[in-house]
Amino acid sequence: MYSGSIITRTTNSCESFHSKFNGMFYSAHPNIYKFIDVLKNVQKDTYIKIRSSNVKYTCVKQEFLSREMIKYDVNEITRFDFVKTVSFKIFTIP
């Protein structure tokens, strides 16, 4: 933002990633081993974030599906309603 700012803010995700990535190095031209270590850490952190974000949504889907199956088994909803409800809920992107 301006030179007196301690906290650097960016306006888009690419700039944010680039800023954090540059902050992981102590020199303008790090050696190849340091560069690879930083890339491995970025990959590990990204993998953890992706895996942890899907856990909650998957549990919600399973609970929803179980409730709808029970409703269908006790004839509270028809087969058509079951398929319609489940297909809209299961195949939508969170």
PDB file of N, CA and C in Angstrom:
ATOM      1  N   MET A   1       0.841  -1.173   0.000  1.00  0.00           N
ATOM      2  CA  MET A   1       0.000   0.000   0.000  1.00  0.00           C
ATOM      3  C   MET A   1       0.890   1.242   0.000  1.00  0.00           C
ATOM      4  N   TYR A   2       1.482   1.573   1.115  1.00  0.00           N
ATOM      5  CA  TYR A   2       2.444   2.663   1.155  1.00  0.00           C
ATOM      6  C   TYR A   2       3.623   2.233   1.998  1.00  0.00           C
ATOM      7  N   SER A   3       4.731   2.922   1.870  1.00  0.00           N
ATOM      8  CA  SER A   3       5.983   2.447   2.458  1.00  0.00           C
ATOM      9  C   SER A   3       5.965   2.350   3.980  1.00  0.00           C
ATOM     10  N   GLY A   4       5.105   3.082   4.662  1.00  0.00           N
ATOM     11  CA  GLY A   4       5.057   3.043   6.115  1.00  0.00           C
ATOM     12  C   GLY A   4       4.248   1.886   6.665  1.00  0.00           C
ATOM     13  N   SER A   5       3.620   1.110   5.802  1.00  0.00           N
ATOM     14  CA  SER A   5       2.756   0.022   6.241  1.00  0.00           C
ATOM     15  C   SER A   5       3.563  -1.201   6.643  1.00  0.00           C
ATOM     16  N   ILE A   6       3.235  -1.773   7.795  1.00  0.00           N
ATOM     17  CA  ILE A   6       3.890  -3.000   8.248  1.00  0.00           C
ATOM     18  C   ILE A   6       3.196  -4.207   7.635  1.00  0.00           C
ATOM     19  N   ILE A   7       1.874  -4.173   7.546  1.00  0.00           N
ATOM     20  CA  ILE A   7       1.092  -5.269   6.984  1.00  0.00           C
ATOM     21  C   ILE A   7       0.926  -5.037   5.493  1.00  0.00           C
ATOM     22  N   THR A   8       1.368  -5.993   4.689  1.00  0.00           N
ATOM     23  CA  THR A   8       1.221  -5.884   3.245  1.00  0.00           C
ATOM     24  C   THR A   8      -0.094  -6.525   2.842  1.00  0.00           C
ATOM     25  N   ARG A   9      -0.908  -5.782   2.143  1.00  0.00           N
ATOM     26  CA  ARG A   9      -2.189  -6.303   1.672  1.00  0.00           C
ATOM     27  C   ARG A   9      -2.195  -6.321   0.163  1.00  0.00           C
ATOM     28  N   THR A  10      -2.877  -7.293  -0.405  1.00  0.00           N
ATOM     29  CA  THR A  10      -2.985  -7.388  -1.856  1.00  0.00           C
ATOM     30  C   THR A  10      -4.446  -7.450  -2.237  1.00  0.00           C
ATOM     31  N   THR A  11      -4.708  -7.242  -3.520  1.00  0.00           N
ATOM     32  CA  THR A  11      -6.090  -7.191  -3.969  1.00  0.00           C
ATOM     33  C   THR A  11      -6.555  -8.452  -4.668  1.00  0.00           C
ATOM     34  N   ASN A  12      -5.667  -9.363  -4.990  1.00  0.00           N
ATOM     35  CA  ASN A  12      -6.150 -10.613  -5.556  1.00  0.00           C
ATOM     36  C   ASN A  12      -5.329 -11.792  -5.057  1.00  0.00           C
ATOM     37  N   SER A  13      -5.826 -12.984  -5.299  1.00  0.00           N
ATOM     38  CA  SER A  13      -5.200 -14.172  -4.721  1.00  0.00           C
ATOM     39  C   SER A  13      -3.829 -14.472  -5.325  1.00  0.00           C
ATOM     40  N   CYS A  14      -3.627 -14.170  -6.593  1.00  0.00           N
ATOM     41  CA  CYS A  14      -2.313 -14.419  -7.207  1.00  0.00           C
ATOM     42  C   CYS A  14      -1.248 -13.517  -6.587  1.00  0.00           C
ATOM     43  N   GLU A  15      -1.587 -12.261  -6.386  1.00  0.00           N
ATOM     44  CA  GLU A  15      -0.647 -11.346  -5.753  1.00  0.00           C
ATOM     45  C   GLU A  15      -0.365 -11.766  -4.315  1.00  0.00           C
ATOM     46  N   SER A  16      -1.385 -12.247  -3.639  1.00  0.00           N
ATOM     47  CA  SER A  16      -1.221 -12.701  -2.262  1.00  0.00           C
ATOM     48  C   SER A  16      -0.262 -13.890  -2.195  1.00  0.00           C
ATOM     49  N   PHE A  17      -0.475 -14.874  -3.064  1.00  0.00           N
ATOM     50  CA  PHE A  17       0.412 -16.036  -3.089  1.00  0.00           C
ATOM     51  C   PHE A  17       1.848 -15.615  -3.398  1.00  0.00           C
ATOM     52  N   HIS A  18       2.010 -14.756  -4.395  1.00  0.00           N
ATOM     53  CA  HIS A  18       3.349 -14.318  -4.789  1.00  0.00           C
ATOM     54  C   HIS A  18       4.044 -13.586  -3.642  1.00  0.00           C
ATOM     55  N   SER A  19       3.300 -12.764  -2.926  1.00  0.00           N
ATOM     56  CA  SER A  19       3.870 -12.033  -1.799  1.00  0.00           C
ATOM     57  C   SER A  19       4.332 -12.993  -0.697  1.00  0.00           C
ATOM     58  N   LYS A  20       3.488 -13.974  -0.359  1.00  0.00           N
ATOM     59  CA  LYS A  20       3.853 -14.955   0.668  1.00  0.00           C
ATOM     60  C   LYS A  20       5.017 -15.829   0.212  1.00  0.00           C
ATOM     61  N   PHE A  21       5.000 -16.204  -1.068  1.00  0.00           N
ATOM     62  CA  PHE A  21       6.059 -17.042  -1.617  1.00  0.00           C
ATOM     63  C   PHE A  21       7.402 -16.307  -1.570  1.00  0.00           C
ATOM     64  N   ASN A  22       7.418 -15.043  -1.956  1.00  0.00           N
ATOM     65  CA  ASN A  22       8.656 -14.256  -1.900  1.00  0.00           C
ATOM     66  C   ASN A  22       9.135 -14.081  -0.465  1.00  0.00           C
ATOM     67  N   GLY A  23       8.217 -14.007   0.477  1.00  0.00           N
ATOM     68  CA  GLY A  23       8.577 -13.843   1.876  1.00  0.00           C
ATOM     69  C   GLY A  23       9.244 -15.069   2.484  1.00  0.00           C
ATOM     70  N   MET A  24       9.157 -16.210   1.803  1.00  0.00           N
ATOM     71  CA  MET A  24       9.763 -17.435   2.310  1.00  0.00           C
ATOM     72  C   MET A  24      11.259 -17.520   2.015  1.00  0.00           C
ATOM     73  N   PHE A  25      11.775 -16.592   1.224  1.00  0.00           N
ATOM     74  CA  PHE A  25      13.190 -16.605   0.859  1.00  0.00           C
ATOM     75  C   PHE A  25      13.906 -15.438   1.523  1.00  0.00           C
ATOM     76  N   TYR A  26      15.172 -15.671   1.874  1.00  0.00           N
ATOM     77  CA  TYR A  26      15.957 -14.635   2.536  1.00  0.00           C
ATOM     78  C   TYR A  26      16.856 -13.880   1.571  1.00  0.00           C
ATOM     79  N   SER A  27      16.926 -14.328   0.328  1.00  0.00           N
ATOM     80  CA  SER A  27      17.736 -13.634  -0.666  1.00  0.00           C
ATOM     81  C   SER A  27      16.985 -13.619  -1.997  1.00  0.00           C
ATOM     82  N   ALA A  28      17.436 -12.740  -2.891  1.00  0.00           N
ATOM     83  CA  ALA A  28      16.773 -12.622  -4.193  1.00  0.00           C
ATOM     84  C   ALA A  28      17.002 -13.862  -5.055  1.00  0.00           C
ATOM     85  N   HIS A  29      18.146 -14.530  -4.865  1.00  0.00           N
ATOM     86  CA  HIS A  29      18.475 -15.711  -5.664  1.00  0.00           C
ATOM     87  C   HIS A  29      18.898 -16.857  -4.745  1.00  0.00           C
ATOM     88  N   PRO A  30      17.912 -17.569  -4.161  1.00  0.00           N
ATOM     89  CA  PRO A  30      18.263 -18.662  -3.243  1.00  0.00           C
ATOM     90  C   PRO A  30      18.842 -19.852  -4.010  1.00  0.00           C
ATOM     91  N   ASN A  31      19.560 -20.710  -3.294  1.00  0.00           N
ATOM     92  CA  ASN A  31      20.085 -21.893  -3.973  1.00  0.00           C
ATOM     93  C   ASN A  31      18.952 -22.872  -4.258  1.00  0.00           C
ATOM     94  N   ILE A  32      19.223 -23.830  -5.100  1.00  0.00           N
ATOM     95  CA  ILE A  32      18.191 -24.750  -5.575  1.00  0.00           C
ATOM     96  C   ILE A  32      17.605 -25.585  -4.439  1.00  0.00           C
ATOM     97  N   TYR A  33      18.401 -25.922  -3.446  1.00  0.00           N
ATOM     98  CA  TYR A  33      17.914 -26.749  -2.335  1.00  0.00           C
ATOM     99  C   TYR A  33      16.903 -25.997  -1.475  1.00  0.00           C
ATOM    100  N   LYS A  34      17.161 -24.730  -1.221  1.00  0.00           N
ATOM    101  CA  LYS A  34      16.212 -23.905  -0.465  1.00  0.00           C
ATOM    102  C   LYS A  34      14.920 -23.736  -1.263  1.00  0.00           C
ATOM    103  N   PHE A  35      15.048 -23.520  -2.563  1.00  0.00           N
ATOM    104  CA  PHE A  35      13.892 -23.352  -3.434  1.00  0.00           C
ATOM    105  C   PHE A  35      13.011 -24.601  -3.424  1.00  0.00           C
ATOM    106  N   ILE A  36      13.626 -25.761  -3.525  1.00  0.00           N
ATOM    107  CA  ILE A  36      12.872 -27.024  -3.508  1.00  0.00           C
ATOM    108  C   ILE A  36      12.207 -27.245  -2.156  1.00  0.00           C
ATOM    109  N   ASP A  37      12.897 -26.929  -1.070  1.00  0.00           N
ATOM    110  CA  ASP A  37      12.292 -27.055   0.268  1.00  0.00           C
ATOM    111  C   ASP A  37      11.057 -26.178   0.406  1.00  0.00           C
ATOM    112  N   VAL A  38      11.140 -24.953  -0.101  1.00  0.00           N
ATOM    113  CA  VAL A  38       9.993 -24.047  -0.031  1.00  0.00           C
ATOM    114  C   VAL A  38       8.846 -24.583  -0.884  1.00  0.00           C
ATOM    115  N   LEU A  39       9.139 -25.080  -2.076  1.00  0.00           N
ATOM    116  CA  LEU A  39       8.094 -25.658  -2.921  1.00  0.00           C
ATOM    117  C   LEU A  39       7.418 -26.850  -2.247  1.00  0.00           C
ATOM    118  N   LYS A  40       8.210 -27.695  -1.585  1.00  0.00           N
ATOM    119  CA  LYS A  40       7.631 -28.842  -0.871  1.00  0.00           C
ATOM    120  C   LYS A  40       6.706 -28.378   0.261  1.00  0.00           C
ATOM    121  N   ASN A  41       7.107 -27.342   0.969  1.00  0.00           N
ATOM    122  CA  ASN A  41       6.267 -26.821   2.057  1.00  0.00           C
ATOM    123  C   ASN A  41       4.972 -26.226   1.519  1.00  0.00           C
ATOM    124  N   VAL A  42       5.059 -25.515   0.399  1.00  0.00           N
ATOM    125  CA  VAL A  42       3.850 -24.946  -0.211  1.00  0.00           C
ATOM    126  C   VAL A  42       2.920 -26.064  -0.645  1.00  0.00           C
ATOM    127  N   GLN A  43       3.479 -27.109  -1.263  1.00  0.00           N
ATOM    128  CA  GLN A  43       2.669 -28.241  -1.701  1.00  0.00           C
ATOM    129  C   GLN A  43       2.002 -28.925  -0.511  1.00  0.00           C
ATOM    130  N   LYS A  44       2.755 -29.137   0.563  1.00  0.00           N
ATOM    131  CA  LYS A  44       2.220 -29.795   1.762  1.00  0.00           C
ATOM    132  C   LYS A  44       1.089 -28.966   2.374  1.00  0.00           C
ATOM    133  N   ASP A  45       1.292 -27.652   2.496  1.00  0.00           N
ATOM    134  CA  ASP A  45       0.267 -26.790   3.074  1.00  0.00           C
ATOM    135  C   ASP A  45      -0.996 -26.765   2.214  1.00  0.00           C
ATOM    136  N   THR A  46      -0.818 -26.719   0.907  1.00  0.00           N
ATOM    137  CA  THR A  46      -1.964 -26.712  -0.004  1.00  0.00           C
ATOM    138  C   THR A  46      -2.732 -28.022   0.082  1.00  0.00           C
ATOM    139  N   TYR A  47      -2.023 -29.120   0.134  1.00  0.00           N
ATOM    140  CA  TYR A  47      -2.660 -30.431   0.233  1.00  0.00           C
ATOM    141  C   TYR A  47      -3.477 -30.541   1.516  1.00  0.00           C
ATOM    142  N   ILE A  48      -2.924 -30.072   2.617  1.00  0.00           N
ATOM    143  CA  ILE A  48      -3.636 -30.114   3.897  1.00  0.00           C
ATOM    144  C   ILE A  48      -4.893 -29.261   3.848  1.00  0.00           C
ATOM    145  N   LYS A  49      -4.804 -28.066   3.273  1.00  0.00           N
ATOM    146  CA  LYS A  49      -5.975 -27.186   3.175  1.00  0.00           C
ATOM    147  C   LYS A  49      -7.072 -27.814   2.322  1.00  0.00           C
ATOM    148  N   ILE A  50      -6.699 -28.425   1.218  1.00  0.00           N
ATOM    149  CA  ILE A  50      -7.691 -29.044   0.339  1.00  0.00           C
ATOM    150  C   ILE A  50      -8.354 -30.234   1.031  1.00  0.00           C
ATOM    151  N   ARG A  51      -7.545 -31.083   1.667  1.00  0.00           N
ATOM    152  CA  ARG A  51      -8.104 -32.248   2.333  1.00  0.00           C
ATOM    153  C   ARG A  51      -9.008 -31.865   3.508  1.00  0.00           C
ATOM    154  N   SER A  52      -8.648 -30.853   4.257  1.00  0.00           N
ATOM    155  CA  SER A  52      -9.444 -30.488   5.424  1.00  0.00           C
ATOM    156  C   SER A  52     -10.722 -29.754   5.043  1.00  0.00           C
ATOM    157  N   SER A  53     -10.755 -29.104   3.903  1.00  0.00           N
ATOM    158  CA  SER A  53     -11.967 -28.381   3.506  1.00  0.00           C
ATOM    159  C   SER A  53     -13.062 -29.329   3.039  1.00  0.00           C
ATOM    160  N   ASN A  54     -12.714 -30.500   2.515  1.00  0.00           N
ATOM    161  CA  ASN A  54     -13.712 -31.446   2.017  1.00  0.00           C
ATOM    162  C   ASN A  54     -14.310 -32.320   3.105  1.00  0.00           C
ATOM    163  N   VAL A  55     -13.680 -32.430   4.248  1.00  0.00           N
ATOM    164  CA  VAL A  55     -14.139 -33.337   5.299  1.00  0.00           C
ATOM    165  C   VAL A  55     -15.519 -32.939   5.801  1.00  0.00           C
ATOM    166  N   LYS A  56     -15.713 -31.688   6.128  1.00  0.00           N
ATOM    167  CA  LYS A  56     -16.993 -31.237   6.675  1.00  0.00           C
ATOM    168  C   LYS A  56     -18.108 -31.382   5.645  1.00  0.00           C
ATOM    169  N   TYR A  57     -17.842 -31.011   4.409  1.00  0.00           N
ATOM    170  CA  TYR A  57     -18.874 -31.086   3.382  1.00  0.00           C
ATOM    171  C   TYR A  57     -19.268 -32.533   3.113  1.00  0.00           C
ATOM    172  N   THR A  58     -18.310 -33.449   3.129  1.00  0.00           N
ATOM    173  CA  THR A  58     -18.605 -34.859   2.908  1.00  0.00           C
ATOM    174  C   THR A  58     -19.486 -35.406   4.027  1.00  0.00           C
ATOM    175  N   CYS A  59     -19.226 -35.024   5.265  1.00  0.00           N
ATOM    176  CA  CYS A  59     -20.049 -35.471   6.392  1.00  0.00           C
ATOM    177  C   CYS A  59     -21.474 -34.939   6.276  1.00  0.00           C
ATOM    178  N   VAL A  60     -21.609 -33.699   5.874  1.00  0.00           N
ATOM    179  CA  VAL A  60     -22.934 -33.107   5.696  1.00  0.00           C
ATOM    180  C   VAL A  60     -23.703 -33.855   4.611  1.00  0.00           C
ATOM    181  N   LYS A  61     -23.026 -34.197   3.522  1.00  0.00           N
ATOM    182  CA  LYS A  61     -23.663 -34.952   2.442  1.00  0.00           C
ATOM    183  C   LYS A  61     -24.140 -36.315   2.937  1.00  0.00           C
ATOM    184  N   GLN A  62     -23.287 -37.005   3.691  1.00  0.00           N
ATOM    185  CA  GLN A  62     -23.640 -38.337   4.175  1.00  0.00           C
ATOM    186  C   GLN A  62     -24.824 -38.283   5.131  1.00  0.00           C
ATOM    187  N   GLU A  63     -24.853 -37.291   6.001  1.00  0.00           N
ATOM    188  CA  GLU A  63     -25.981 -37.149   6.930  1.00  0.00           C
ATOM    189  C   GLU A  63     -27.270 -36.867   6.172  1.00  0.00           C
ATOM    190  N   PHE A  64     -27.193 -35.985   5.191  1.00  0.00           N
ATOM    191  CA  PHE A  64     -28.365 -35.663   4.388  1.00  0.00           C
ATOM    192  C   PHE A  64     -28.881 -36.906   3.663  1.00  0.00           C
ATOM    193  N   LEU A  65     -27.975 -37.642   3.046  1.00  0.00           N
ATOM    194  CA  LEU A  65     -28.366 -38.842   2.314  1.00  0.00           C
ATOM    195  C   LEU A  65     -29.003 -39.870   3.238  1.00  0.00           C
ATOM    196  N   SER A  66     -28.470 -40.038   4.421  1.00  0.00           N
ATOM    197  CA  SER A  66     -29.043 -40.986   5.388  1.00  0.00           C
ATOM    198  C   SER A  66     -30.466 -40.584   5.783  1.00  0.00           C
ATOM    199  N   ARG A  67     -30.671 -39.293   6.046  1.00  0.00           N
ATOM    200  CA  ARG A  67     -32.018 -38.824   6.409  1.00  0.00           C
ATOM    201  C   ARG A  67     -33.011 -39.049   5.268  1.00  0.00           C
ATOM    202  N   GLU A  68     -32.590 -38.778   4.055  1.00  0.00           N
ATOM    203  CA  GLU A  68     -33.493 -38.960   2.917  1.00  0.00           C
ATOM    204  C   GLU A  68     -33.787 -40.434   2.670  1.00  0.00           C
ATOM    205  N   MET A  69     -32.808 -41.293   2.884  1.00  0.00           N
ATOM    206  CA  MET A  69     -33.043 -42.728   2.711  1.00  0.00           C
ATOM    207  C   MET A  69     -34.050 -43.241   3.736  1.00  0.00           C
ATOM    208  N   ILE A  70     -33.959 -42.742   4.955  1.00  0.00           N
ATOM    209  CA  ILE A  70     -34.920 -43.140   5.992  1.00  0.00           C
ATOM    210  C   ILE A  70     -36.325 -42.684   5.609  1.00  0.00           C
ATOM    211  N   LYS A  71     -36.432 -41.443   5.130  1.00  0.00           N
ATOM    212  CA  LYS A  71     -37.743 -40.934   4.689  1.00  0.00           C
ATOM    213  C   LYS A  71     -38.321 -41.812   3.586  1.00  0.00           C
ATOM    214  N   TYR A  72     -37.471 -42.231   2.657  1.00  0.00           N
ATOM    215  CA  TYR A  72     -37.939 -43.081   1.561  1.00  0.00           C
ATOM    216  C   TYR A  72     -38.346 -44.467   2.074  1.00  0.00           C
ATOM    217  N   ASP A  73     -37.567 -45.007   2.989  1.00  0.00           N
ATOM    218  CA  ASP A  73     -37.858 -46.344   3.524  1.00  0.00           C
ATOM    219  C   ASP A  73     -39.187 -46.401   4.269  1.00  0.00           C
ATOM    220  N   VAL A  74     -39.552 -45.318   4.949  1.00  0.00           N
ATOM    221  CA  VAL A  74     -40.817 -45.310   5.695  1.00  0.00           C
ATOM    222  C   VAL A  74     -41.951 -44.678   4.883  1.00  0.00           C
ATOM    223  N   ASN A  75     -41.722 -44.516   3.597  1.00  0.00           N
ATOM    224  CA  ASN A  75     -42.728 -44.018   2.644  1.00  0.00           C
ATOM    225  C   ASN A  75     -43.203 -42.594   2.926  1.00  0.00           C
ATOM    226  N   GLU A  76     -42.333 -41.779   3.483  1.00  0.00           N
ATOM    227  CA  GLU A  76     -42.679 -40.360   3.657  1.00  0.00           C
ATOM    228  C   GLU A  76     -42.557 -39.596   2.344  1.00  0.00           C
ATOM    229  N   ILE A  77     -41.653 -40.058   1.480  1.00  0.00           N
ATOM    230  CA  ILE A  77     -41.483 -39.416   0.167  1.00  0.00           C
ATOM    231  C   ILE A  77     -41.510 -40.488  -0.913  1.00  0.00           C
ATOM    232  N   THR A  78     -41.876 -40.084  -2.107  1.00  0.00           N
ATOM    233  CA  THR A  78     -41.922 -41.022  -3.232  1.00  0.00           C
ATOM    234  C   THR A  78     -40.520 -41.221  -3.809  1.00  0.00           C
ATOM    235  N   ARG A  79     -40.421 -42.218  -4.665  1.00  0.00           N
ATOM    236  CA  ARG A  79     -39.132 -42.489  -5.303  1.00  0.00           C
ATOM    237  C   ARG A  79     -38.686 -41.282  -6.132  1.00  0.00           C
ATOM    238  N   PHE A  80     -39.613 -40.674  -6.847  1.00  0.00           N
ATOM    239  CA  PHE A  80     -39.292 -39.505  -7.657  1.00  0.00           C
ATOM    240  C   PHE A  80     -38.771 -38.361  -6.784  1.00  0.00           C
ATOM    241  N   ASP A  81     -39.450 -38.092  -5.676  1.00  0.00           N
ATOM    242  CA  ASP A  81     -39.010 -37.025  -4.770  1.00  0.00           C
ATOM    243  C   ASP A  81     -37.630 -37.336  -4.180  1.00  0.00           C
ATOM    244  N   PHE A  82     -37.414 -38.603  -3.848  1.00  0.00           N
ATOM    245  CA  PHE A  82     -36.116 -39.000  -3.312  1.00  0.00           C
ATOM    246  C   PHE A  82     -34.999 -38.727  -4.323  1.00  0.00           C
ATOM    247  N   VAL A  83     -35.197 -39.188  -5.545  1.00  0.00           N
ATOM    248  CA  VAL A  83     -34.171 -39.006  -6.581  1.00  0.00           C
ATOM    249  C   VAL A  83     -33.964 -37.526  -6.877  1.00  0.00           C
ATOM    250  N   LYS A  84     -35.037 -36.784  -6.960  1.00  0.00           N
ATOM    251  CA  LYS A  84     -34.927 -35.350  -7.249  1.00  0.00           C
ATOM    252  C   LYS A  84     -34.172 -34.620  -6.136  1.00  0.00           C
ATOM    253  N   THR A  85     -34.523 -34.876  -4.902  1.00  0.00           N
ATOM    254  CA  THR A  85     -33.888 -34.215  -3.766  1.00  0.00           C
ATOM    255  C   THR A  85     -32.417 -34.587  -3.641  1.00  0.00           C
ATOM    256  N   VAL A  86     -32.134 -35.871  -3.743  1.00  0.00           N
ATOM    257  CA  VAL A  86     -30.759 -36.340  -3.589  1.00  0.00           C
ATOM    258  C   VAL A  86     -29.887 -35.853  -4.735  1.00  0.00           C
ATOM    259  N   SER A  87     -30.396 -35.899  -5.943  1.00  0.00           N
ATOM    260  CA  SER A  87     -29.573 -35.502  -7.086  1.00  0.00           C
ATOM    261  C   SER A  87     -29.221 -34.017  -7.028  1.00  0.00           C
ATOM    262  N   PHE A  88     -30.138 -33.166  -6.599  1.00  0.00           N
ATOM    263  CA  PHE A  88     -29.834 -31.744  -6.507  1.00  0.00           C
ATOM    264  C   PHE A  88     -28.826 -31.466  -5.396  1.00  0.00           C
ATOM    265  N   LYS A  89     -28.944 -32.175  -4.286  1.00  0.00           N
ATOM    266  CA  LYS A  89     -28.058 -31.935  -3.152  1.00  0.00           C
ATOM    267  C   LYS A  89     -26.676 -32.540  -3.354  1.00  0.00           C
ATOM    268  N   ILE A  90     -26.605 -33.752  -3.867  1.00  0.00           N
ATOM    269  CA  ILE A  90     -25.338 -34.472  -3.965  1.00  0.00           C
ATOM    270  C   ILE A  90     -24.470 -33.945  -5.098  1.00  0.00           C
ATOM    271  N   PHE A  91     -25.047 -33.578  -6.207  1.00  0.00           N
ATOM    272  CA  PHE A  91     -24.256 -33.204  -7.369  1.00  0.00           C
ATOM    273  C   PHE A  91     -24.036 -31.709  -7.528  1.00  0.00           C
ATOM    274  N   THR A  92     -24.312 -30.940  -6.504  1.00  0.00           N
ATOM    275  CA  THR A  92     -24.017 -29.507  -6.558  1.00  0.00           C
ATOM    276  C   THR A  92     -22.642 -29.258  -5.961  1.00  0.00           C
ATOM    277  N   ILE A  93     -21.990 -28.223  -6.445  1.00  0.00           N
ATOM    278  CA  ILE A  93     -20.664 -27.857  -5.941  1.00  0.00           C
ATOM    279  C   ILE A  93     -20.850 -26.935  -4.743  1.00  0.00           C
ATOM    280  N   PRO A  94     -20.111 -27.191  -3.645  1.00  0.00           N
ATOM    281  CA  PRO A  94     -20.306 -26.372  -2.430  1.00  0.00           C
ATOM    282  C   PRO A  94     -19.910 -24.931  -2.642  1.00  0.00           C
TER     283      PRO A  94
END
